[in-house]
Amino acid sequence: MTAAGLIEGLLDGYERRRRMESFGRAFRSADENYWDEFREWDVALSDLRDGN
């Protein structure tokens, strides 16, 4: 493995962890309005997949 490959791998891992931490914070802060809208979209998209 080259030094550049090692650094690239480390940076990729760091950036992924940051994205996952950000997602986790957003997910934990979701309120009831968010989940209501989520369910509405889930039903609507399910209907589209089912051809309704």
N, C-alpha and C. Protein backbone atom coordinates (compact mmCIF):
# COMPACT_ATOMS: atom_id res chain seq x y z
N MET A 1 0.84 -1.17 0.00
CA MET A 1 0.00 0.00 0.00
C MET A 1 0.88 1.23 0.00
N THR A 2 0.52 2.18 -0.81
CA THR A 2 1.29 3.42 -0.88
C THR A 2 0.86 4.36 0.23
N ALA A 3 1.70 5.35 0.51
CA ALA A 3 1.36 6.36 1.51
C ALA A 3 0.11 7.11 1.08
N ALA A 4 0.00 7.40 -0.21
CA ALA A 4 -1.18 8.12 -0.72
C ALA A 4 -2.44 7.26 -0.53
N GLY A 5 -2.32 5.96 -0.78
CA GLY A 5 -3.46 5.07 -0.60
C GLY A 5 -3.88 4.99 0.86
N LEU A 6 -2.91 4.95 1.76
CA LEU A 6 -3.20 4.92 3.19
C LEU A 6 -3.92 6.20 3.62
N ILE A 7 -3.39 7.34 3.20
CA ILE A 7 -4.00 8.63 3.56
C ILE A 7 -5.41 8.72 2.99
N GLU A 8 -5.58 8.29 1.75
CA GLU A 8 -6.91 8.32 1.14
C GLU A 8 -7.89 7.45 1.92
N GLY A 9 -7.47 6.27 2.33
CA GLY A 9 -8.32 5.39 3.12
C GLY A 9 -8.68 6.00 4.47
N LEU A 10 -7.71 6.61 5.11
CA LEU A 10 -7.97 7.25 6.40
C LEU A 10 -8.95 8.42 6.24
N LEU A 11 -8.77 9.23 5.20
CA LEU A 11 -9.68 10.35 4.97
C LEU A 11 -11.08 9.87 4.63
N ASP A 12 -11.18 8.83 3.82
CA ASP A 12 -12.50 8.27 3.49
C ASP A 12 -13.22 7.80 4.74
N GLY A 13 -12.50 7.10 5.62
CA GLY A 13 -13.09 6.63 6.87
C GLY A 13 -13.53 7.79 7.76
N TYR A 14 -12.70 8.81 7.84
CA TYR A 14 -13.01 9.99 8.65
C TYR A 14 -14.26 10.68 8.12
N GLU A 15 -14.32 10.89 6.80
CA GLU A 15 -15.48 11.56 6.20
C GLU A 15 -16.74 10.74 6.38
N ARG A 16 -16.65 9.43 6.27
CA ARG A 16 -17.82 8.57 6.46
C ARG A 16 -18.32 8.66 7.89
N ARG A 17 -17.41 8.61 8.86
CA ARG A 17 -17.81 8.74 10.26
C ARG A 17 -18.50 10.07 10.52
N ARG A 18 -17.99 11.13 9.94
CA ARG A 18 -18.62 12.45 10.12
C ARG A 18 -20.02 12.47 9.53
N ARG A 19 -20.20 11.88 8.34
CA ARG A 19 -21.53 11.83 7.73
C ARG A 19 -22.49 11.02 8.58
N MET A 20 -22.02 9.89 9.09
CA MET A 20 -22.87 9.04 9.91
C MET A 20 -23.23 9.73 11.24
N GLU A 21 -22.30 10.43 11.83
CA GLU A 21 -22.58 11.18 13.06
C GLU A 21 -23.61 12.27 12.79
N SER A 22 -23.48 12.96 11.68
CA SER A 22 -24.44 14.00 11.30
C SER A 22 -25.81 13.41 11.08
N PHE A 23 -25.86 12.28 10.37
CA PHE A 23 -27.14 11.59 10.15
C PHE A 23 -27.75 11.18 11.48
N GLY A 24 -26.95 10.64 12.38
CA GLY A 24 -27.44 10.22 13.69
C GLY A 24 -28.03 11.38 14.47
N ARG A 25 -27.36 12.52 14.45
CA ARG A 25 -27.89 13.70 15.14
C ARG A 25 -29.22 14.13 14.54
N ALA A 26 -29.31 14.16 13.23
CA ALA A 26 -30.55 14.56 12.56
C ALA A 26 -31.66 13.55 12.86
N PHE A 27 -31.34 12.28 12.84
CA PHE A 27 -32.32 11.23 13.10
C PHE A 27 -32.86 11.33 14.53
N ARG A 28 -31.96 11.53 15.47
CA ARG A 28 -32.39 11.64 16.88
C ARG A 28 -33.22 12.88 17.15
N SER A 29 -33.02 13.94 16.36
CA SER A 29 -33.75 15.19 16.61
C SER A 29 -35.06 15.27 15.82
N ALA A 30 -35.39 14.23 15.05
CA ALA A 30 -36.62 14.25 14.26
C ALA A 30 -37.83 14.28 15.20
N ASP A 31 -38.75 15.21 14.93
CA ASP A 31 -39.94 15.32 15.76
C ASP A 31 -41.12 14.56 15.15
N GLU A 32 -42.25 14.62 15.81
CA GLU A 32 -43.43 13.87 15.37
C GLU A 32 -43.90 14.33 13.98
N ASN A 33 -43.76 15.62 13.67
CA ASN A 33 -44.13 16.11 12.34
C ASN A 33 -43.31 15.44 11.25
N TYR A 34 -42.02 15.27 11.53
CA TYR A 34 -41.16 14.60 10.56
C TYR A 34 -41.66 13.18 10.30
N TRP A 35 -41.95 12.44 11.39
CA TRP A 35 -42.36 11.05 11.23
C TRP A 35 -43.73 10.93 10.56
N ASP A 36 -44.63 11.91 10.81
CA ASP A 36 -45.91 11.91 10.11
C ASP A 36 -45.69 12.06 8.61
N GLU A 37 -44.84 13.01 8.22
CA GLU A 37 -44.56 13.21 6.80
C GLU A 37 -43.84 11.99 6.22
N PHE A 38 -42.94 11.41 6.97
CA PHE A 38 -42.23 10.22 6.52
C PHE A 38 -43.22 9.11 6.18
N ARG A 39 -44.19 8.89 7.08
CA ARG A 39 -45.19 7.84 6.84
C ARG A 39 -46.04 8.16 5.61
N GLU A 40 -46.40 9.43 5.42
CA GLU A 40 -47.19 9.81 4.24
C GLU A 40 -46.42 9.50 2.96
N TRP A 41 -45.14 9.87 2.93
CA TRP A 41 -44.33 9.60 1.74
C TRP A 41 -44.14 8.10 1.55
N ASP A 42 -43.96 7.38 2.65
CA ASP A 42 -43.77 5.93 2.56
C ASP A 42 -45.00 5.28 1.92
N VAL A 43 -46.18 5.70 2.33
CA VAL A 43 -47.42 5.15 1.77
C VAL A 43 -47.54 5.54 0.30
N ALA A 44 -47.27 6.82 -0.01
CA ALA A 44 -47.39 7.29 -1.39
C ALA A 44 -46.43 6.54 -2.31
N LEU A 45 -45.20 6.37 -1.89
CA LEU A 45 -44.22 5.68 -2.72
C LEU A 45 -44.55 4.20 -2.84
N SER A 46 -45.08 3.63 -1.77
CA SER A 46 -45.50 2.23 -1.82
C SER A 46 -46.62 2.05 -2.83
N ASP A 47 -47.57 2.99 -2.85
CA ASP A 47 -48.65 2.93 -3.82
C ASP A 47 -48.11 3.00 -5.25
N LEU A 48 -47.12 3.84 -5.48
CA LEU A 48 -46.53 3.95 -6.82
C LEU A 48 -45.85 2.64 -7.23
N ARG A 49 -45.13 2.04 -6.28
CA ARG A 49 -44.45 0.78 -6.57
C ARG A 49 -45.45 -0.32 -6.89
N ASP A 50 -46.59 -0.28 -6.19
CA ASP A 50 -47.62 -1.30 -6.38
C ASP A 50 -48.52 -1.02 -7.58
N GLY A 51 -48.32 0.13 -8.21
CA GLY A 51 -49.10 0.49 -9.40
C GLY A 51 -50.47 1.07 -9.08
N ASN A 52 -50.66 1.57 -7.88
CA ASN A 52 -51.95 2.18 -7.50
C ASN A 52 -51.98 3.65 -7.77
